[in-house]
PDB file of N, CA and C in Angstrom:
ATOM      1  N   MET A   1      80.226 188.215  22.587  1.00  0.00           N
ATOM      2  CA  MET A   1      80.780 187.017  22.771  1.00  0.00           C
ATOM      3  C   MET A   1      82.050 187.142  23.686  1.00  0.00           C
ATOM      4  N   VAL A   2      83.044 188.190  23.488  1.00  0.00           N
ATOM      5  CA  VAL A   2      84.033 188.386  24.103  1.00  0.00           C
ATOM      6  C   VAL A   2      83.857 188.488  25.630  1.00  0.00           C
ATOM      7  N   LYS A   3      82.808 189.593  25.975  1.00  0.00           N
ATOM      8  CA  LYS A   3      82.407 189.822  27.336  1.00  0.00           C
ATOM      9  C   LYS A   3      81.936 188.584  27.978  1.00  0.00           C
ATOM     10  N   LEU A   4      81.340 187.863  27.345  1.00  0.00           N
ATOM     11  CA  LEU A   4      80.644 186.413  28.119  1.00  0.00           C
ATOM     12  C   LEU A   4      82.193 185.767  28.388  1.00  0.00           C
ATOM     13  N   ILE A   5      82.986 185.319  27.450  1.00  0.00           N
ATOM     14  CA  ILE A   5      84.184 184.472  27.654  1.00  0.00           C
ATOM     15  C   ILE A   5      84.908 185.299  28.801  1.00  0.00           C
ATOM     16  N   ASP A   6      85.067 186.745  28.843  1.00  0.00           N
ATOM     17  CA  ASP A   6      85.680 187.343  30.098  1.00  0.00           C
ATOM     18  C   ASP A   6      85.231 187.095  31.277  1.00  0.00           C
ATOM     19  N   LYS A   7      83.775 187.348  31.344  1.00  0.00           N
ATOM     20  CA  LYS A   7      82.804 187.274  32.709  1.00  0.00           C
ATOM     21  C   LYS A   7      83.125 185.965  33.142  1.00  0.00           C
ATOM     22  N   ILE A   8      83.030 184.824  32.400  1.00  0.00           N
ATOM     23  CA  ILE A   8      83.046 183.401  32.798  1.00  0.00           C
ATOM     24  C   ILE A   8      84.845 183.299  33.323  1.00  0.00           C
ATOM     25  N   THR A   9      85.430 183.815  32.624  1.00  0.00           N
ATOM     26  CA  THR A   9      86.959 183.499  32.985  1.00  0.00           C
ATOM     27  C   THR A   9      87.141 184.169  34.347  1.00  0.00           C
ATOM     28  N   GLU A  10      86.565 185.134  34.346  1.00  0.00           N
ATOM     29  CA  GLU A  10      86.850 185.957  36.071  1.00  0.00           C
ATOM     30  C   GLU A  10      86.000 185.228  36.821  1.00  0.00           C
ATOM     31  N   ASN A  11      84.839 184.610  36.636  1.00  0.00           N
ATOM     32  CA  ASN A  11      84.118 183.758  37.697  1.00  0.00           C
ATOM     33  C   ASN A  11      84.924 182.704  38.201  1.00  0.00           C
ATOM     34  N   LEU A  12      85.465 182.250  36.863  1.00  0.00           N
ATOM     35  CA  LEU A  12      86.283 180.819  37.289  1.00  0.00           C
ATOM     36  C   LEU A  12      87.451 180.935  38.114  1.00  0.00           C
ATOM     37  N   PHE A  13      88.281 182.333  37.659  1.00  0.00           N
ATOM     38  CA  PHE A  13      89.535 182.717  38.878  1.00  0.00           C
ATOM     39  C   PHE A  13      88.908 182.994  40.197  1.00  0.00           C
ATOM     40  N   SER A  14      88.004 183.644  40.012  1.00  0.00           N
ATOM     41  CA  SER A  14      87.523 184.069  41.440  1.00  0.00           C
ATOM     42  C   SER A  14      86.914 182.789  42.298  1.00  0.00           C
ATOM     43  N   ALA A  15      86.132 181.841  41.700  1.00  0.00           N
ATOM     44  CA  ALA A  15      86.005 180.481  42.415  1.00  0.00           C
ATOM     45  C   ALA A  15      87.143 179.935  42.800  1.00  0.00           C
ATOM     46  N   PHE A  16      88.120 179.921  41.963  1.00  0.00           N
ATOM     47  CA  PHE A  16      89.382 179.065  42.234  1.00  0.00           C
ATOM     48  C   PHE A  16      89.996 179.682  43.539  1.00  0.00           C
ATOM     49  N   LEU A  17      90.280 181.197  43.429  1.00  0.00           N
ATOM     50  CA  LEU A  17      90.823 181.868  44.800  1.00  0.00           C
ATOM     51  C   LEU A  17      90.196 181.602  45.879  1.00  0.00           C
ATOM     52  N   MET A  18      88.675 181.482  45.827  1.00  0.00           N
ATOM     53  CA  MET A  18      87.819 181.278  47.071  1.00  0.00           C
ATOM     54  C   MET A  18      88.180 179.774  47.530  1.00  0.00           C
ATOM     55  N   SER A  19      88.112 178.986  46.646  1.00  0.00           N
ATOM     56  CA  SER A  19      88.309 177.578  47.092  1.00  0.00           C
ATOM     57  C   SER A  19      89.694 177.438  47.743  1.00  0.00           C
ATOM     58  N   ALA A  20      90.830 178.117  46.974  1.00  0.00           N
ATOM     59  CA  ALA A  20      92.140 178.014  47.687  1.00  0.00           C
ATOM     60  C   ALA A  20      92.179 178.745  49.114  1.00  0.00           C
ATOM     61  N   LEU A  21      91.467 179.686  49.281  1.00  0.00           N
ATOM     62  CA  LEU A  21      91.342 180.490  50.398  1.00  0.00           C
ATOM     63  C   LEU A  21      90.781 179.691  51.573  1.00  0.00           C
ATOM     64  N   ALA A  22      89.613 178.856  51.168  1.00  0.00           N
ATOM     65  CA  ALA A  22      88.890 178.130  51.910  1.00  0.00           C
ATOM     66  C   ALA A  22      89.699 176.923  52.328  1.00  0.00           C
ATOM     67  N   PHE A  23      90.423 176.557  51.638  1.00  0.00           N
ATOM     68  CA  PHE A  23      91.614 175.194  52.134  1.00  0.00           C
ATOM     69  C   PHE A  23      92.492 175.831  52.880  1.00  0.00           C
ATOM     70  N   ILE A  24      93.122 176.884  52.678  1.00  0.00           N
ATOM     71  CA  ILE A  24      94.182 177.692  53.735  1.00  0.00           C
ATOM     72  C   ILE A  24      93.552 177.749  54.839  1.00  0.00           C
ATOM     73  N   ILE A  25      92.391 178.332  54.987  1.00  0.00           N
ATOM     74  CA  ILE A  25      91.715 178.570  56.234  1.00  0.00           C
ATOM     75  C   ILE A  25      91.322 177.383  57.144  1.00  0.00           C
ATOM     76  N   SER A  26      90.855 176.361  56.175  1.00  0.00           N
ATOM     77  CA  SER A  26      90.712 175.021  57.160  1.00  0.00           C
ATOM     78  C   SER A  26      91.816 174.442  57.518  1.00  0.00           C
ATOM     79  N   ALA A  27      93.041 174.548  56.752  1.00  0.00           N
ATOM     80  CA  ALA A  27      94.132 174.076  57.139  1.00  0.00           C
ATOM     81  C   ALA A  27      94.610 174.540  58.462  1.00  0.00           C
ATOM     82  N   PHE A  28      94.489 176.027  58.570  1.00  0.00           N
ATOM     83  CA  PHE A  28      95.086 176.752  59.587  1.00  0.00           C
ATOM     84  C   PHE A  28      94.046 176.331  60.951  1.00  0.00           C
ATOM     85  N   CYS A  29      93.036 176.048  60.678  1.00  0.00           N
ATOM     86  CA  CYS A  29      92.165 176.042  61.874  1.00  0.00           C
ATOM     87  C   CYS A  29      92.298 174.553  62.632  1.00  0.00           C
ATOM     88  N   VAL A  30      92.819 173.506  61.596  1.00  0.00           N
ATOM     89  CA  VAL A  30      93.056 172.139  61.857  1.00  0.00           C
ATOM     90  C   VAL A  30      94.396 172.347  62.931  1.00  0.00           C
ATOM     91  N   GLN A  31      95.494 173.074  62.233  1.00  0.00           N
ATOM     92  CA  GLN A  31      96.553 173.196  62.790  1.00  0.00           C
ATOM     93  C   GLN A  31      96.388 173.842  64.035  1.00  0.00           C
ATOM     94  N   MET A  32      95.555 174.810  64.305  1.00  0.00           N
ATOM     95  CA  MET A  32      95.178 175.601  65.809  1.00  0.00           C
ATOM     96  C   MET A  32      94.766 174.535  66.612  1.00  0.00           C
ATOM     97  N   PHE A  33      93.576 173.655  66.020  1.00  0.00           N
ATOM     98  CA  PHE A  33      93.013 172.910  66.984  1.00  0.00           C
ATOM     99  C   PHE A  33      94.004 171.674  67.468  1.00  0.00           C
ATOM    100  N   PHE A  34      95.246 171.204  66.672  1.00  0.00           N
ATOM    101  CA  PHE A  34      96.107 170.265  67.524  1.00  0.00           C
ATOM    102  C   PHE A  34      97.231 171.132  68.211  1.00  0.00           C
ATOM    103  N   VAL A  35      97.325 172.395  67.772  1.00  0.00           N
ATOM    104  CA  VAL A  35      98.176 173.370  69.024  1.00  0.00           C
ATOM    105  C   VAL A  35      97.417 173.348  70.319  1.00  0.00           C
ATOM    106  N   CYS A  36      96.307 173.789  70.335  1.00  0.00           N
ATOM    107  CA  CYS A  36      95.590 173.830  71.437  1.00  0.00           C
ATOM    108  C   CYS A  36      95.336 172.458  72.034  1.00  0.00           C
ATOM    109  N   LEU A  37      95.247 171.131  71.331  1.00  0.00           N
ATOM    110  CA  LEU A  37      95.247 170.090  72.217  1.00  0.00           C
ATOM    111  C   LEU A  37      96.633 169.826  72.713  1.00  0.00           C
ATOM    112  N   GLN A  38      97.582 170.143  72.131  1.00  0.00           N
ATOM    113  CA  GLN A  38      99.131 170.082  72.636  1.00  0.00           C
ATOM    114  C   GLN A  38      99.401 170.733  73.637  1.00  0.00           C
ATOM    115  N   PHE A  39      98.951 171.830  74.151  1.00  0.00           N
ATOM    116  CA  PHE A  39      99.026 172.734  75.197  1.00  0.00           C
ATOM    117  C   PHE A  39      97.845 172.754  76.240  1.00  0.00           C
ATOM    118  N   SER A  40      96.912 171.629  76.062  1.00  0.00           N
ATOM    119  CA  SER A  40      95.893 171.465  76.981  1.00  0.00           C
ATOM    120  C   SER A  40      96.179 170.352  77.908  1.00  0.00           C
ATOM    121  N   GLY A  41      96.960 169.530  77.543  1.00  0.00           N
ATOM    122  CA  GLY A  41      97.570 168.577  78.238  1.00  0.00           C
ATOM    123  C   GLY A  41      96.842 167.224  77.896  1.00  0.00           C
ATOM    124  N   ASN A  42      95.858 167.359  76.745  1.00  0.00           N
ATOM    125  CA  ASN A  42      94.986 165.986  76.794  1.00  0.00           C
ATOM    126  C   ASN A  42      95.756 165.058  75.634  1.00  0.00           C
ATOM    127  N   GLU A  43      96.752 164.512  75.987  1.00  0.00           N
ATOM    128  CA  GLU A  43      97.700 163.659  74.972  1.00  0.00           C
ATOM    129  C   GLU A  43      96.967 162.370  74.512  1.00  0.00           C
ATOM    130  N   GLU A  44      96.147 161.770  75.540  1.00  0.00           N
ATOM    131  CA  GLU A  44      95.678 160.678  74.923  1.00  0.00           C
ATOM    132  C   GLU A  44      94.797 160.663  73.920  1.00  0.00           C
ATOM    133  N   TYR A  45      93.752 161.771  73.949  1.00  0.00           N
ATOM    134  CA  TYR A  45      92.917 162.251  72.904  1.00  0.00           C
ATOM    135  C   TYR A  45      93.574 162.625  71.565  1.00  0.00           C
ATOM    136  N   GLN A  46      94.613 163.431  71.862  1.00  0.00           N
ATOM    137  CA  GLN A  46      95.523 163.848  70.428  1.00  0.00           C
ATOM    138  C   GLN A  46      96.114 162.743  69.916  1.00  0.00           C
ATOM    139  N   ARG A  47      96.652 161.784  70.745  1.00  0.00           N
ATOM    140  CA  ARG A  47      97.124 160.723  70.120  1.00  0.00           C
ATOM    141  C   ARG A  47      96.231 159.770  69.523  1.00  0.00           C
ATOM    142  N   ARG A  48      94.882 159.800  69.849  1.00  0.00           N
ATOM    143  CA  ARG A  48      94.046 158.677  69.294  1.00  0.00           C
ATOM    144  C   ARG A  48      93.642 159.560  68.014  1.00  0.00           C
ATOM    145  N   LEU A  49      93.628 160.645  67.728  1.00  0.00           N
ATOM    146  CA  LEU A  49      93.309 161.328  66.548  1.00  0.00           C
ATOM    147  C   LEU A  49      94.486 161.187  65.632  1.00  0.00           C
ATOM    148  N   ILE A  50      95.482 161.457  65.908  1.00  0.00           N
ATOM    149  CA  ILE A  50      96.612 161.174  65.143  1.00  0.00           C
ATOM    150  C   ILE A  50      96.908 159.488  64.556  1.00  0.00           C
ATOM    151  N   ASN A  51      96.742 158.810  65.488  1.00  0.00           N
ATOM    152  CA  ASN A  51      96.563 157.484  65.180  1.00  0.00           C
ATOM    153  C   ASN A  51      95.659 157.241  63.999  1.00  0.00           C
ATOM    154  N   LYS A  52      94.327 157.651  64.185  1.00  0.00           N
ATOM    155  CA  LYS A  52      93.226 157.479  63.247  1.00  0.00           C
ATOM    156  C   LYS A  52      93.685 157.975  62.049  1.00  0.00           C
ATOM    157  N   LEU A  53      94.111 159.641  61.958  1.00  0.00           N
ATOM    158  CA  LEU A  53      94.538 159.956  60.575  1.00  0.00           C
ATOM    159  C   LEU A  53      95.412 159.373  59.929  1.00  0.00           C
ATOM    160  N   GLU A  54      96.534 158.945  60.431  1.00  0.00           N
ATOM    161  CA  GLU A  54      97.460 158.227  59.824  1.00  0.00           C
ATOM    162  C   GLU A  54      97.301 156.745  59.510  1.00  0.00           C
ATOM    163  N   ILE A  55      96.205 156.031  60.013  1.00  0.00           N
ATOM    164  CA  ILE A  55      95.663 154.709  59.436  1.00  0.00           C
ATOM    165  C   ILE A  55      94.836 155.047  58.451  1.00  0.00           C
ATOM    166  N   LYS A  56      94.226 156.359  58.251  1.00  0.00           N
ATOM    167  CA  LYS A  56      93.060 156.660  57.186  1.00  0.00           C
ATOM    168  C   LYS A  56      93.903 157.104  55.897  1.00  0.00           C
ATOM    169  N   PHE A  57      95.058 157.848  56.246  1.00  0.00           N
ATOM    170  CA  PHE A  57      95.548 158.401  54.994  1.00  0.00           C
ATOM    171  C   PHE A  57      97.141 158.132  54.718  1.00  0.00           C
ATOM    172  N   ASP A  58      97.789 157.353  55.615  1.00  0.00           N
ATOM    173  CA  ASP A  58      99.325 157.003  55.412  1.00  0.00           C
ATOM    174  C   ASP A  58      99.107 155.708  54.275  1.00  0.00           C
ATOM    175  N   GLY A  59     100.243 155.687  53.323  1.00  0.00           N
ATOM    176  CA  GLY A  59     100.521 154.825  52.591  1.00  0.00           C
ATOM    177  C   GLY A  59     101.112 153.559  53.269  1.00  0.00           C
ATOM    178  N   ARG A  60     101.487 153.495  54.364  1.00  0.00           N
ATOM    179  CA  ARG A  60     102.155 152.386  54.898  1.00  0.00           C
ATOM    180  C   ARG A  60     100.987 151.373  55.656  1.00  0.00           C
ATOM    181  N   PHE A  61      99.721 152.106  55.708  1.00  0.00           N
ATOM    182  CA  PHE A  61      98.669 151.316  56.385  1.00  0.00           C
ATOM    183  C   PHE A  61      97.604 150.568  55.286  1.00  0.00           C
ATOM    184  N   LYS A  62      98.104 150.674  53.944  1.00  0.00           N
ATOM    185  CA  LYS A  62      97.043 150.259  52.857  1.00  0.00           C
ATOM    186  C   LYS A  62      96.675 149.066  53.009  1.00  0.00           C
ATOM    187  N   ASN A  63      97.146 148.067  53.903  1.00  0.00           N
ATOM    188  CA  ASN A  63      96.555 146.697  53.959  1.00  0.00           C
ATOM    189  C   ASN A  63      95.278 146.761  55.194  1.00  0.00           C
ATOM    190  N   ASN A  64      95.046 148.047  55.582  1.00  0.00           N
ATOM    191  CA  ASN A  64      93.947 148.143  56.565  1.00  0.00           C
ATOM    192  C   ASN A  64      92.681 148.428  55.762  1.00  0.00           C
ATOM    193  N   PRO A  65      91.548 147.799  56.211  1.00  0.00           N
ATOM    194  CA  PRO A  65      90.414 148.248  55.340  1.00  0.00           C
ATOM    195  C   PRO A  65      89.946 149.895  55.817  1.00  0.00           C
ATOM    196  N   GLU A  66      90.455 150.324  56.788  1.00  0.00           N
ATOM    197  CA  GLU A  66      90.124 151.840  56.972  1.00  0.00           C
ATOM    198  C   GLU A  66      91.045 152.761  56.351  1.00  0.00           C
ATOM    199  N   ASN A  67      91.953 152.297  55.598  1.00  0.00           N
ATOM    200  CA  ASN A  67      92.873 153.262  54.613  1.00  0.00           C
ATOM    201  C   ASN A  67      91.890 153.426  53.415  1.00  0.00           C
ATOM    202  N   ILE A  68      92.197 154.761  52.834  1.00  0.00           N
ATOM    203  CA  ILE A  68      91.786 155.248  51.806  1.00  0.00           C
ATOM    204  C   ILE A  68      92.308 154.530  50.429  1.00  0.00           C
ATOM    205  N   MET A  69      93.496 153.752  50.581  1.00  0.00           N
ATOM    206  CA  MET A  69      94.004 153.252  49.310  1.00  0.00           C
ATOM    207  C   MET A  69      93.763 151.611  49.679  1.00  0.00           C
ATOM    208  N   TYR A  70      93.042 151.211  50.425  1.00  0.00           N
ATOM    209  CA  TYR A  70      92.911 149.551  50.661  1.00  0.00           C
ATOM    210  C   TYR A  70      92.133 149.257  49.463  1.00  0.00           C
ATOM    211  N   GLU A  71      92.663 148.215  49.030  1.00  0.00           N
ATOM    212  CA  GLU A  71      92.046 147.686  47.687  1.00  0.00           C
ATOM    213  C   GLU A  71      91.014 146.595  48.035  1.00  0.00           C
ATOM    214  N   GLY A  72      91.371 145.800  49.195  1.00  0.00           N
ATOM    215  CA  GLY A  72      90.503 144.450  49.762  1.00  0.00           C
ATOM    216  C   GLY A  72      91.350 143.328  48.980  1.00  0.00           C
ATOM    217  N   PRO A  73      90.602 141.982  49.241  1.00  0.00           N
ATOM    218  CA  PRO A  73      91.450 140.897  48.712  1.00  0.00           C
ATOM    219  C   PRO A  73      90.787 140.765  47.460  1.00  0.00           C
ATOM    220  N   ILE A  74      91.831 140.339  46.723  1.00  0.00           N
ATOM    221  CA  ILE A  74      91.429 140.112  45.197  1.00  0.00           C
ATOM    222  C   ILE A  74      90.954 138.588  44.887  1.00  0.00           C
ATOM    223  N   ALA A  75      89.775 138.660  44.306  1.00  0.00           N
ATOM    224  CA  ALA A  75      88.814 137.464  44.101  1.00  0.00           C
ATOM    225  C   ALA A  75      89.418 136.779  43.103  1.00  0.00           C
ATOM    226  N   LYS A  76      89.908 135.386  43.316  1.00  0.00           N
ATOM    227  CA  LYS A  76      90.386 134.637  42.216  1.00  0.00           C
ATOM    228  C   LYS A  76      89.198 134.216  41.347  1.00  0.00           C
ATOM    229  N   LYS A  77      89.730 133.947  40.005  1.00  0.00           N
ATOM    230  CA  LYS A  77      88.666 133.494  39.237  1.00  0.00           C
ATOM    231  C   LYS A  77      88.864 131.945  39.005  1.00  0.00           C
TER     232      LYS A  77
END
């Protein structure tokens, strides 16, 4: 029983480390993508991507239907 619990704990910890590493690698890849965009001179495309991401995730745009925090109009009873 103790070996089973130890094995499950070890697998959960390994899964946590792998998911954290995957998150860090994906964040680094996104950062490198935007650095390459900055140096490529394609500022219009970069600005469109940044605006789209800001509208999607920034709380200042929560009245926009494209935002993840958008609640929509409240229906009156």
